[in-house]
């Protein structure tokens, strides 16, 4: 009977190893199947991003503060999806006439009219507002505040994110 206990333990280890190898093979097949689908969605998002930003627009009198930035966050991460671009981000800072409250209200109305829904995780922020639609997330961040000047202006950074894994409506 004592001779069978090590044999049972060894059999259990072999079973765990076989299951692990099977899961690894399944995972690789799953990735190979989905990479073309992800690439197609990414290409569509890459072309739609500038159109979405243009559709959202800016309040009258807005001027760009910088040239804008397009990045691919998470690209260097070592994961099972390496080689696949899963996320894209556009970011640009604007100088807007008025106060943060005025411009927040403008963005809130504009994004609501376009079908974007407010998105909050945890405690709502006073310096950042987020809105979602499908796999897209728009974030409006407060920047410098010159609203007490003779010609009041504020800076806001508009960030548009697309992420393959976003399911913000949950």
C-alpha atoms as a PDB file:
ATOM      1  CA  UNK A   1       0.000   0.000   0.000  1.00  0.00           C
ATOM      2  CA  UNK A   2       2.861   2.406   0.738  1.00  0.00           C
ATOM      3  CA  UNK A   3       4.266   1.762  -2.727  1.00  0.00           C
ATOM      4  CA  UNK A   4       1.018   2.935  -4.399  1.00  0.00           C
ATOM      5  CA  UNK A   5       0.916   6.361  -2.703  1.00  0.00           C
ATOM      6  CA  UNK A   6       3.973   7.724  -4.585  1.00  0.00           C
ATOM      7  CA  UNK A   7       2.571   6.219  -7.783  1.00  0.00           C
ATOM      8  CA  UNK A   8      -0.763   8.021  -7.252  1.00  0.00           C
ATOM      9  CA  UNK A   9       1.019  11.316  -6.559  1.00  0.00           C
ATOM     10  CA  UNK A  10       3.129  10.865  -9.684  1.00  0.00           C
ATOM     11  CA  UNK A  11       0.015  10.084 -11.744  1.00  0.00           C
ATOM     12  CA  UNK A  12      -1.596  13.283 -10.444  1.00  0.00           C
ATOM     13  CA  UNK A  13       1.441  15.335 -11.487  1.00  0.00           C
ATOM     14  CA  UNK A  14       1.374  13.790 -14.950  1.00  0.00           C
ATOM     15  CA  UNK A  15      -2.334  14.603 -15.254  1.00  0.00           C
ATOM     16  CA  UNK A  16      -1.714  18.234 -14.244  1.00  0.00           C
ATOM     17  CA  UNK A  17       1.144  18.499 -16.766  1.00  0.00           C
ATOM     18  CA  UNK A  18      -1.011  17.061 -19.574  1.00  0.00           C
ATOM     19  CA  UNK A  19      -3.850  19.473 -18.775  1.00  0.00           C
ATOM     20  CA  UNK A  20      -1.384  22.393 -18.688  1.00  0.00           C
ATOM     21  CA  UNK A  21       0.093  21.463 -22.062  1.00  0.00           C
ATOM     22  CA  UNK A  22      -3.411  21.082 -23.505  1.00  0.00           C
ATOM     23  CA  UNK A  23      -4.397  24.544 -22.264  1.00  0.00           C
ATOM     24  CA  UNK A  24      -1.217  26.046 -23.710  1.00  0.00           C
ATOM     25  CA  UNK A  25      -1.933  24.490 -27.115  1.00  0.00           C
ATOM     26  CA  UNK A  26      -5.563  25.714 -26.986  1.00  0.00           C
ATOM     27  CA  UNK A  27      -4.395  29.217 -26.026  1.00  0.00           C
ATOM     28  CA  UNK A  28      -1.981  29.412 -28.974  1.00  0.00           C
ATOM     29  CA  UNK A  29      -4.682  28.258 -31.398  1.00  0.00           C
ATOM     30  CA  UNK A  30      -7.099  30.816 -29.930  1.00  0.00           C
ATOM     31  CA  UNK A  31      -4.553  33.596 -30.403  1.00  0.00           C
ATOM     32  CA  UNK A  32      -3.793  32.589 -33.993  1.00  0.00           C
ATOM     33  CA  UNK A  33      -7.511  32.561 -34.771  1.00  0.00           C
ATOM     34  CA  UNK A  34      -8.200  35.994 -33.252  1.00  0.00           C
ATOM     35  CA  UNK A  35      -5.129  37.997 -34.339  1.00  0.00           C
ATOM     36  CA  UNK A  36      -6.533  38.752 -37.828  1.00  0.00           C
ATOM     37  CA  UNK A  37      -9.849  39.859 -36.288  1.00  0.00           C
ATOM     38  CA  UNK A  38      -8.052  42.121 -33.825  1.00  0.00           C
ATOM     39  CA  UNK A  39      -5.861  43.571 -36.600  1.00  0.00           C
ATOM     40  CA  UNK A  40      -8.947  44.364 -38.698  1.00  0.00           C
ATOM     41  CA  UNK A  41     -10.697  46.091 -35.776  1.00  0.00           C
ATOM     42  CA  UNK A  42      -7.521  48.015 -34.980  1.00  0.00           C
ATOM     43  CA  UNK A  43      -7.173  49.220 -38.587  1.00  0.00           C
ATOM     44  CA  UNK A  44     -10.779  50.425 -38.563  1.00  0.00           C
ATOM     45  CA  UNK A  45     -10.264  52.217 -35.242  1.00  0.00           C
ATOM     46  CA  UNK A  46      -7.043  53.801 -36.495  1.00  0.00           C
ATOM     47  CA  UNK A  47      -8.887  55.360 -39.429  1.00  0.00           C
ATOM     48  CA  UNK A  48     -11.949  56.361 -37.366  1.00  0.00           C
ATOM     49  CA  UNK A  49     -10.087  58.120 -34.530  1.00  0.00           C
ATOM     50  CA  UNK A  50      -9.364  61.428 -36.313  1.00  0.00           C
ATOM     51  CA  UNK A  51     -12.935  61.467 -37.672  1.00  0.00           C
ATOM     52  CA  UNK A  52     -14.355  61.039 -34.156  1.00  0.00           C
ATOM     53  CA  UNK A  53     -12.172  63.858 -32.821  1.00  0.00           C
ATOM     54  CA  UNK A  54     -13.276  66.113 -35.685  1.00  0.00           C
ATOM     55  CA  UNK A  55     -16.925  65.218 -35.023  1.00  0.00           C
ATOM     56  CA  UNK A  56     -16.579  66.100 -31.324  1.00  0.00           C
ATOM     57  CA  UNK A  57     -14.880  69.373 -32.209  1.00  0.00           C
ATOM     58  CA  UNK A  58     -14.003  72.221 -29.858  1.00  0.00           C
ATOM     59  CA  UNK A  59     -15.844  75.271 -28.533  1.00  0.00           C
ATOM     60  CA  UNK A  60     -15.743  78.350 -30.731  1.00  0.00           C
ATOM     61  CA  UNK A  61     -12.469  80.248 -30.365  1.00  0.00           C
ATOM     62  CA  UNK A  62     -10.404  77.190 -29.420  1.00  0.00           C
ATOM     63  CA  UNK A  63      -6.765  77.095 -30.485  1.00  0.00           C
ATOM     64  CA  UNK A  64      -4.403  74.123 -30.394  1.00  0.00           C
ATOM     65  CA  UNK A  65      -1.707  74.358 -27.711  1.00  0.00           C
ATOM     66  CA  UNK A  66       0.402  71.499 -29.087  1.00  0.00           C
ATOM     67  CA  UNK A  67       0.671  69.347 -32.200  1.00  0.00           C
ATOM     68  CA  UNK A  68      -1.091  66.395 -30.645  1.00  0.00           C
ATOM     69  CA  UNK A  69       0.153  62.904 -30.052  1.00  0.00           C
ATOM     70  CA  UNK A  70      -0.789  59.467 -31.313  1.00  0.00           C
ATOM     71  CA  UNK A  71       0.485  56.544 -29.257  1.00  0.00           C
ATOM     72  CA  UNK A  72       0.046  52.809 -28.926  1.00  0.00           C
ATOM     73  CA  UNK A  73       0.028  52.136 -25.155  1.00  0.00           C
ATOM     74  CA  UNK A  74       0.982  48.693 -23.967  1.00  0.00           C
ATOM     75  CA  UNK A  75       2.778  47.875 -27.207  1.00  0.00           C
ATOM     76  CA  UNK A  76       6.006  46.758 -25.513  1.00  0.00           C
ATOM     77  CA  UNK A  77       4.262  44.579 -22.949  1.00  0.00           C
ATOM     78  CA  UNK A  78       5.335  40.970 -22.990  1.00  0.00           C
ATOM     79  CA  UNK A  79       2.167  38.971 -23.143  1.00  0.00           C
ATOM     80  CA  UNK A  80       0.570  36.216 -25.109  1.00  0.00           C
ATOM     81  CA  UNK A  81      -0.701  38.886 -27.542  1.00  0.00           C
ATOM     82  CA  UNK A  82       2.751  40.325 -28.347  1.00  0.00           C
ATOM     83  CA  UNK A  83       2.945  41.587 -31.859  1.00  0.00           C
ATOM     84  CA  UNK A  84      -0.702  42.659 -31.877  1.00  0.00           C
ATOM     85  CA  UNK A  85      -1.664  46.279 -31.400  1.00  0.00           C
ATOM     86  CA  UNK A  86      -4.584  46.243 -28.999  1.00  0.00           C
ATOM     87  CA  UNK A  87      -4.865  49.924 -28.065  1.00  0.00           C
ATOM     88  CA  UNK A  88      -4.480  53.331 -29.696  1.00  0.00           C
ATOM     89  CA  UNK A  89      -4.629  56.828 -28.196  1.00  0.00           C
ATOM     90  CA  UNK A  90      -4.887  60.341 -29.603  1.00  0.00           C
ATOM     91  CA  UNK A  91      -4.109  63.242 -27.280  1.00  0.00           C
ATOM     92  CA  UNK A  92      -4.123  67.000 -27.861  1.00  0.00           C
ATOM     93  CA  UNK A  93      -4.146  70.053 -25.618  1.00  0.00           C
ATOM     94  CA  UNK A  94      -6.286  73.066 -26.514  1.00  0.00           C
ATOM     95  CA  UNK A  95      -6.543  76.652 -25.278  1.00  0.00           C
ATOM     96  CA  UNK A  96     -10.237  77.401 -24.866  1.00  0.00           C
ATOM     97  CA  UNK A  97     -11.971  80.690 -24.124  1.00  0.00           C
ATOM     98  CA  UNK A  98     -13.928  80.848 -20.856  1.00  0.00           C
ATOM     99  CA  UNK A  99     -13.710  78.876 -17.631  1.00  0.00           C
ATOM    100  CA  UNK A 100     -13.397  75.186 -16.887  1.00  0.00           C
ATOM    101  CA  UNK A 101     -17.069  75.095 -15.864  1.00  0.00           C
ATOM    102  CA  UNK A 102     -18.174  76.653 -19.184  1.00  0.00           C
ATOM    103  CA  UNK A 103     -16.046  74.352 -21.305  1.00  0.00           C
ATOM    104  CA  UNK A 104     -16.997  71.269 -19.249  1.00  0.00           C
ATOM    105  CA  UNK A 105     -20.657  72.115 -19.869  1.00  0.00           C
ATOM    106  CA  UNK A 106     -19.967  72.541 -23.607  1.00  0.00           C
ATOM    107  CA  UNK A 107     -18.227  69.144 -23.844  1.00  0.00           C
ATOM    108  CA  UNK A 108     -20.950  67.495 -21.756  1.00  0.00           C
ATOM    109  CA  UNK A 109     -23.707  68.792 -24.070  1.00  0.00           C
ATOM    110  CA  UNK A 110     -21.750  68.027 -27.223  1.00  0.00           C
ATOM    111  CA  UNK A 111     -20.807  64.480 -26.255  1.00  0.00           C
ATOM    112  CA  UNK A 112     -24.322  63.731 -24.973  1.00  0.00           C
ATOM    113  CA  UNK A 113     -25.764  64.926 -28.297  1.00  0.00           C
ATOM    114  CA  UNK A 114     -23.396  62.542 -30.109  1.00  0.00           C
ATOM    115  CA  UNK A 115     -24.473  59.565 -27.977  1.00  0.00           C
ATOM    116  CA  UNK A 116     -21.500  59.380 -25.595  1.00  0.00           C
ATOM    117  CA  UNK A 117     -22.287  58.360 -22.019  1.00  0.00           C
ATOM    118  CA  UNK A 118     -20.531  59.627 -18.873  1.00  0.00           C
ATOM    119  CA  UNK A 119     -18.054  57.147 -17.424  1.00  0.00           C
ATOM    120  CA  UNK A 120     -16.942  57.206 -13.796  1.00  0.00           C
ATOM    121  CA  UNK A 121     -14.901  54.759 -11.773  1.00  0.00           C
ATOM    122  CA  UNK A 122     -15.019  55.368  -8.039  1.00  0.00           C
ATOM    123  CA  UNK A 123     -15.214  58.956  -6.825  1.00  0.00           C
ATOM    124  CA  UNK A 124     -16.020  61.490  -9.586  1.00  0.00           C
ATOM    125  CA  UNK A 125     -13.114  63.783 -10.441  1.00  0.00           C
ATOM    126  CA  UNK A 126     -13.240  67.577 -10.512  1.00  0.00           C
ATOM    127  CA  UNK A 127     -10.365  67.798 -12.993  1.00  0.00           C
ATOM    128  CA  UNK A 128     -11.229  65.044 -15.447  1.00  0.00           C
ATOM    129  CA  UNK A 129     -14.401  63.880 -17.181  1.00  0.00           C
ATOM    130  CA  UNK A 130     -14.697  60.673 -19.188  1.00  0.00           C
ATOM    131  CA  UNK A 131     -17.295  59.502 -21.706  1.00  0.00           C
ATOM    132  CA  UNK A 132     -17.636  56.150 -23.458  1.00  0.00           C
ATOM    133  CA  UNK A 133     -19.186  54.690 -26.581  1.00  0.00           C
ATOM    134  CA  UNK A 134     -18.538  51.089 -27.709  1.00  0.00           C
ATOM    135  CA  UNK A 135     -14.786  50.481 -27.331  1.00  0.00           C
ATOM    136  CA  UNK A 136     -14.008  54.205 -27.278  1.00  0.00           C
ATOM    137  CA  UNK A 137     -13.247  56.394 -24.272  1.00  0.00           C
ATOM    138  CA  UNK A 138     -12.953  60.204 -24.427  1.00  0.00           C
ATOM    139  CA  UNK A 139     -11.286  61.911 -21.483  1.00  0.00           C
ATOM    140  CA  UNK A 140     -11.346  65.685 -20.998  1.00  0.00           C
ATOM    141  CA  UNK A 141      -8.626  66.787 -18.561  1.00  0.00           C
ATOM    142  CA  UNK A 142      -8.302  70.220 -17.001  1.00  0.00           C
ATOM    143  CA  UNK A 143      -5.039  72.041 -17.591  1.00  0.00           C
ATOM    144  CA  UNK A 144      -3.878  75.551 -16.729  1.00  0.00           C
ATOM    145  CA  UNK A 145      -6.561  78.030 -15.653  1.00  0.00           C
ATOM    146  CA  UNK A 146      -6.315  81.647 -16.806  1.00  0.00           C
ATOM    147  CA  UNK A 147     -10.008  82.366 -16.248  1.00  0.00           C
ATOM    148  CA  UNK A 148      -9.326  85.454 -14.094  1.00  0.00           C
ATOM    149  CA  UNK A 149      -7.417  87.243 -16.876  1.00  0.00           C
ATOM    150  CA  UNK A 150      -8.945  90.003 -18.967  1.00  0.00           C
ATOM    151  CA  UNK A 151      -9.493  87.444 -21.743  1.00  0.00           C
ATOM    152  CA  UNK A 152     -10.258  84.297 -19.730  1.00  0.00           C
ATOM    153  CA  UNK A 153      -8.889  81.052 -21.137  1.00  0.00           C
ATOM    154  CA  UNK A 154      -8.259  77.528 -19.915  1.00  0.00           C
ATOM    155  CA  UNK A 155      -6.271  74.607 -21.230  1.00  0.00           C
ATOM    156  CA  UNK A 156      -7.869  71.233 -21.709  1.00  0.00           C
ATOM    157  CA  UNK A 157      -6.384  67.990 -22.934  1.00  0.00           C
ATOM    158  CA  UNK A 158      -8.697  65.841 -25.028  1.00  0.00           C
ATOM    159  CA  UNK A 159      -7.753  62.156 -25.041  1.00  0.00           C
ATOM    160  CA  UNK A 160      -9.430  59.602 -27.295  1.00  0.00           C
ATOM    161  CA  UNK A 161      -8.697  55.947 -26.479  1.00  0.00           C
ATOM    162  CA  UNK A 162      -9.661  52.807 -28.360  1.00  0.00           C
ATOM    163  CA  UNK A 163      -8.932  49.516 -26.656  1.00  0.00           C
ATOM    164  CA  UNK A 164      -9.779  46.093 -28.045  1.00  0.00           C
ATOM    165  CA  UNK A 165     -10.619  44.866 -24.532  1.00  0.00           C
ATOM    166  CA  UNK A 166     -12.871  47.816 -23.561  1.00  0.00           C
ATOM    167  CA  UNK A 167     -16.362  46.817 -22.577  1.00  0.00           C
ATOM    168  CA  UNK A 168     -17.264  49.933 -20.630  1.00  0.00           C
ATOM    169  CA  UNK A 169     -21.011  49.348 -20.823  1.00  0.00           C
ATOM    170  CA  UNK A 170     -20.844  46.438 -18.385  1.00  0.00           C
END
